[in-house]
């Protein structure tokens, strides 16, 4: 299982996705009901 995160679970996935979220134009407060933490950017969310 080389390169796989054997401890990857729901809360950790959510933290990765939040970390990689991009700001949305016109939104100033995060998280919010319309856009949550921002626009999803998978490339910036996953660890190197």
PDB file of N, CA and C in Angstrom:
ATOM      1  N   UNK A   1       0.826  -1.183   0.000  1.00  0.00           N
ATOM      2  CA  UNK A   1       0.000   0.000   0.000  1.00  0.00           C
ATOM      3  C   UNK A   1       0.873   1.250   0.000  1.00  0.00           C
ATOM      4  N   UNK A   2       1.894   1.238  -0.772  1.00  0.00           N
ATOM      5  CA  UNK A   2       2.820   2.354  -0.830  1.00  0.00           C
ATOM      6  C   UNK A   2       2.132   3.612  -1.356  1.00  0.00           C
ATOM      7  N   UNK A   3       2.267   4.730  -0.624  1.00  0.00           N
ATOM      8  CA  UNK A   3       1.690   5.992  -1.042  1.00  0.00           C
ATOM      9  C   UNK A   3       0.240   6.192  -0.623  1.00  0.00           C
ATOM     10  N   UNK A   4      -0.401   5.177  -0.095  1.00  0.00           N
ATOM     11  CA  UNK A   4      -1.792   5.307   0.342  1.00  0.00           C
ATOM     12  C   UNK A   4      -1.841   5.708   1.809  1.00  0.00           C
ATOM     13  N   UNK A   5      -2.830   6.481   2.163  1.00  0.00           N
ATOM     14  CA  UNK A   5      -3.028   6.888   3.551  1.00  0.00           C
ATOM     15  C   UNK A   5      -3.989   5.894   4.196  1.00  0.00           C
ATOM     16  N   UNK A   6      -3.443   4.979   4.974  1.00  0.00           N
ATOM     17  CA  UNK A   6      -4.273   3.943   5.593  1.00  0.00           C
ATOM     18  C   UNK A   6      -5.154   4.509   6.708  1.00  0.00           C
ATOM     19  N   UNK A   7      -4.908   5.750   7.107  1.00  0.00           N
ATOM     20  CA  UNK A   7      -5.699   6.381   8.159  1.00  0.00           C
ATOM     21  C   UNK A   7      -6.645   7.433   7.591  1.00  0.00           C
ATOM     22  N   UNK A   8      -6.940   7.348   6.298  1.00  0.00           N
ATOM     23  CA  UNK A   8      -7.844   8.301   5.670  1.00  0.00           C
ATOM     24  C   UNK A   8      -9.282   7.951   6.052  1.00  0.00           C
ATOM     25  N   UNK A   9      -9.975   8.893   6.651  1.00  0.00           N
ATOM     26  CA  UNK A   9     -11.352   8.685   7.077  1.00  0.00           C
ATOM     27  C   UNK A   9     -12.126   9.971   6.819  1.00  0.00           C
ATOM     28  N   UNK A  10     -13.413   9.970   7.045  1.00  0.00           N
ATOM     29  CA  UNK A  10     -14.299  11.068   6.679  1.00  0.00           C
ATOM     30  C   UNK A  10     -13.865  12.441   7.148  1.00  0.00           C
ATOM     31  N   UNK A  11     -13.525  12.586   8.410  1.00  0.00           N
ATOM     32  CA  UNK A  11     -13.147  13.900   8.937  1.00  0.00           C
ATOM     33  C   UNK A  11     -11.856  14.401   8.301  1.00  0.00           C
ATOM     34  N   UNK A  12     -10.939  13.499   8.026  1.00  0.00           N
ATOM     35  CA  UNK A  12      -9.678  13.885   7.399  1.00  0.00           C
ATOM     36  C   UNK A  12      -9.913  14.324   5.951  1.00  0.00           C
ATOM     37  N   UNK A  13     -10.791  13.639   5.237  1.00  0.00           N
ATOM     38  CA  UNK A  13     -11.140  14.025   3.863  1.00  0.00           C
ATOM     39  C   UNK A  13     -11.770  15.411   3.868  1.00  0.00           C
ATOM     40  N   UNK A  14     -12.682  15.660   4.793  1.00  0.00           N
ATOM     41  CA  UNK A  14     -13.316  16.974   4.885  1.00  0.00           C
ATOM     42  C   UNK A  14     -12.278  18.060   5.156  1.00  0.00           C
ATOM     43  N   UNK A  15     -11.312  17.784   6.017  1.00  0.00           N
ATOM     44  CA  UNK A  15     -10.266  18.771   6.316  1.00  0.00           C
ATOM     45  C   UNK A  15      -9.428  19.058   5.075  1.00  0.00           C
ATOM     46  N   UNK A  16      -9.085  18.026   4.305  1.00  0.00           N
ATOM     47  CA  UNK A  16      -8.331  18.222   3.059  1.00  0.00           C
ATOM     48  C   UNK A  16      -9.112  19.107   2.098  1.00  0.00           C
ATOM     49  N   UNK A  17     -10.395  18.835   1.929  1.00  0.00           N
ATOM     50  CA  UNK A  17     -11.205  19.594   0.980  1.00  0.00           C
ATOM     51  C   UNK A  17     -11.378  21.046   1.422  1.00  0.00           C
ATOM     52  N   UNK A  18     -11.521  21.275   2.713  1.00  0.00           N
ATOM     53  CA  UNK A  18     -11.621  22.646   3.221  1.00  0.00           C
ATOM     54  C   UNK A  18     -10.328  23.410   2.969  1.00  0.00           C
ATOM     55  N   UNK A  19      -9.212  22.739   3.197  1.00  0.00           N
ATOM     56  CA  UNK A  19      -7.905  23.375   3.032  1.00  0.00           C
ATOM     57  C   UNK A  19      -7.687  23.830   1.589  1.00  0.00           C
ATOM     58  N   UNK A  20      -8.158  23.066   0.628  1.00  0.00           N
ATOM     59  CA  UNK A  20      -7.944  23.392  -0.769  1.00  0.00           C
ATOM     60  C   UNK A  20      -9.004  24.260  -1.395  1.00  0.00           C
ATOM     61  N   UNK A  21     -10.049  24.612  -0.646  1.00  0.00           N
ATOM     62  CA  UNK A  21     -11.143  25.427  -1.203  1.00  0.00           C
ATOM     63  C   UNK A  21     -10.636  26.808  -1.598  1.00  0.00           C
ATOM     64  N   UNK A  22     -11.128  27.284  -2.721  1.00  0.00           N
ATOM     65  CA  UNK A  22     -10.749  28.599  -3.245  1.00  0.00           C
ATOM     66  C   UNK A  22     -11.854  29.612  -2.937  1.00  0.00           C
ATOM     67  N   UNK A  23     -11.476  30.863  -2.682  1.00  0.00           N
ATOM     68  CA  UNK A  23     -12.491  31.895  -2.438  1.00  0.00           C
ATOM     69  C   UNK A  23     -13.404  32.073  -3.652  1.00  0.00           C
ATOM     70  N   UNK A  24     -14.636  32.449  -3.392  1.00  0.00           N
ATOM     71  CA  UNK A  24     -15.624  32.700  -4.438  1.00  0.00           C
ATOM     72  C   UNK A  24     -15.865  34.202  -4.497  1.00  0.00           C
ATOM     73  N   UNK A  25     -15.808  34.748  -5.692  1.00  0.00           N
ATOM     74  CA  UNK A  25     -16.003  36.191  -5.866  1.00  0.00           C
ATOM     75  C   UNK A  25     -17.343  36.634  -5.275  1.00  0.00           C
ATOM     76  N   UNK A  26     -17.305  37.699  -4.521  1.00  0.00           N
ATOM     77  CA  UNK A  26     -18.519  38.247  -3.920  1.00  0.00           C
ATOM     78  C   UNK A  26     -18.832  37.683  -2.540  1.00  0.00           C
ATOM     79  N   UNK A  27     -18.088  36.690  -2.121  1.00  0.00           N
ATOM     80  CA  UNK A  27     -18.294  36.099  -0.792  1.00  0.00           C
ATOM     81  C   UNK A  27     -17.149  36.536   0.114  1.00  0.00           C
ATOM     82  N   UNK A  28     -17.482  36.981   1.321  1.00  0.00           N
ATOM     83  CA  UNK A  28     -16.461  37.460   2.249  1.00  0.00           C
ATOM     84  C   UNK A  28     -16.378  36.656   3.531  1.00  0.00           C
ATOM     85  N   UNK A  29     -17.409  35.883   3.841  1.00  0.00           N
ATOM     86  CA  UNK A  29     -17.456  35.131   5.092  1.00  0.00           C
ATOM     87  C   UNK A  29     -17.528  33.643   4.767  1.00  0.00           C
ATOM     88  N   UNK A  30     -16.620  32.876   5.366  1.00  0.00           N
ATOM     89  CA  UNK A  30     -16.591  31.425   5.166  1.00  0.00           C
ATOM     90  C   UNK A  30     -16.552  30.741   6.513  1.00  0.00           C
ATOM     91  N   UNK A  31     -17.185  29.608   6.686  1.00  0.00           N
ATOM     92  CA  UNK A  31     -18.158  29.022   5.766  1.00  0.00           C
ATOM     93  C   UNK A  31     -19.462  29.801   5.798  1.00  0.00           C
ATOM     94  N   UNK A  32     -20.248  29.641   4.749  1.00  0.00           N
ATOM     95  CA  UNK A  32     -21.566  30.257   4.715  1.00  0.00           C
ATOM     96  C   UNK A  32     -22.548  29.312   4.033  1.00  0.00           C
ATOM     97  N   UNK A  33     -23.834  29.639   4.092  1.00  0.00           N
ATOM     98  CA  UNK A  33     -24.887  28.744   3.584  1.00  0.00           C
ATOM     99  C   UNK A  33     -24.853  28.575   2.071  1.00  0.00           C
ATOM    100  N   UNK A  34     -24.371  29.573   1.346  1.00  0.00           N
ATOM    101  CA  UNK A  34     -24.397  29.500  -0.131  1.00  0.00           C
ATOM    102  C   UNK A  34     -23.244  28.699  -0.708  1.00  0.00           C
ATOM    103  N   UNK A  35     -22.022  28.953  -0.240  1.00  0.00           N
ATOM    104  CA  UNK A  35     -20.855  28.324  -0.873  1.00  0.00           C
ATOM    105  C   UNK A  35     -19.997  27.511   0.088  1.00  0.00           C
ATOM    106  N   UNK A  36     -20.436  27.366   1.307  1.00  0.00           N
ATOM    107  CA  UNK A  36     -19.657  26.587   2.267  1.00  0.00           C
ATOM    108  C   UNK A  36     -18.288  27.199   2.495  1.00  0.00           C
ATOM    109  N   UNK A  37     -17.236  26.434   2.198  1.00  0.00           N
ATOM    110  CA  UNK A  37     -15.864  26.902   2.404  1.00  0.00           C
ATOM    111  C   UNK A  37     -15.257  27.476   1.135  1.00  0.00           C
ATOM    112  N   UNK A  38     -16.004  27.494   0.032  1.00  0.00           N
ATOM    113  CA  UNK A  38     -15.514  28.037  -1.230  1.00  0.00           C
ATOM    114  C   UNK A  38     -15.642  27.020  -2.349  1.00  0.00           C
ATOM    115  N   UNK A  39     -14.977  27.313  -3.467  1.00  0.00           N
ATOM    116  CA  UNK A  39     -15.017  26.431  -4.637  1.00  0.00           C
ATOM    117  C   UNK A  39     -14.055  25.263  -4.462  1.00  0.00           C
ATOM    118  N   UNK A  40     -14.509  24.092  -4.808  1.00  0.00           N
ATOM    119  CA  UNK A  40     -13.693  22.894  -4.672  1.00  0.00           C
ATOM    120  C   UNK A  40     -12.512  22.934  -5.630  1.00  0.00           C
ATOM    121  N   UNK A  41     -11.320  22.680  -5.106  1.00  0.00           N
ATOM    122  CA  UNK A  41     -10.110  22.556  -5.915  1.00  0.00           C
ATOM    123  C   UNK A  41      -9.389  21.298  -5.433  1.00  0.00           C
ATOM    124  N   UNK A  42      -9.623  20.191  -6.107  1.00  0.00           N
ATOM    125  CA  UNK A  42      -9.072  18.910  -5.672  1.00  0.00           C
ATOM    126  C   UNK A  42      -7.552  18.923  -5.700  1.00  0.00           C
ATOM    127  N   UNK A  43      -6.975  19.547  -6.727  1.00  0.00           N
ATOM    128  CA  UNK A  43      -5.520  19.578  -6.846  1.00  0.00           C
ATOM    129  C   UNK A  43      -4.853  20.203  -5.622  1.00  0.00           C
ATOM    130  N   UNK A  44      -5.425  21.281  -5.092  1.00  0.00           N
ATOM    131  CA  UNK A  44      -4.860  21.948  -3.922  1.00  0.00           C
ATOM    132  C   UNK A  44      -5.293  21.288  -2.620  1.00  0.00           C
ATOM    133  N   UNK A  45      -6.267  20.403  -2.668  1.00  0.00           N
ATOM    134  CA  UNK A  45      -6.770  19.773  -1.452  1.00  0.00           C
ATOM    135  C   UNK A  45      -5.945  18.566  -1.023  1.00  0.00           C
ATOM    136  N   UNK A  46      -5.449  17.798  -1.972  1.00  0.00           N
ATOM    137  CA  UNK A  46      -4.771  16.560  -1.653  1.00  0.00           C
ATOM    138  C   UNK A  46      -3.311  16.811  -1.297  1.00  0.00           C
ATOM    139  N   UNK A  47      -2.828  16.102  -0.279  1.00  0.00           N
ATOM    140  CA  UNK A  47      -1.430  16.281   0.119  1.00  0.00           C
ATOM    141  C   UNK A  47      -0.480  15.801  -0.976  1.00  0.00           C
ATOM    142  N   UNK A  48       0.671  16.461  -1.041  1.00  0.00           N
ATOM    143  CA  UNK A  48       1.684  16.256  -2.057  1.00  0.00           C
ATOM    144  C   UNK A  48       2.132  14.893  -2.266  1.00  0.00           C
TER     145      UNK A  48
END
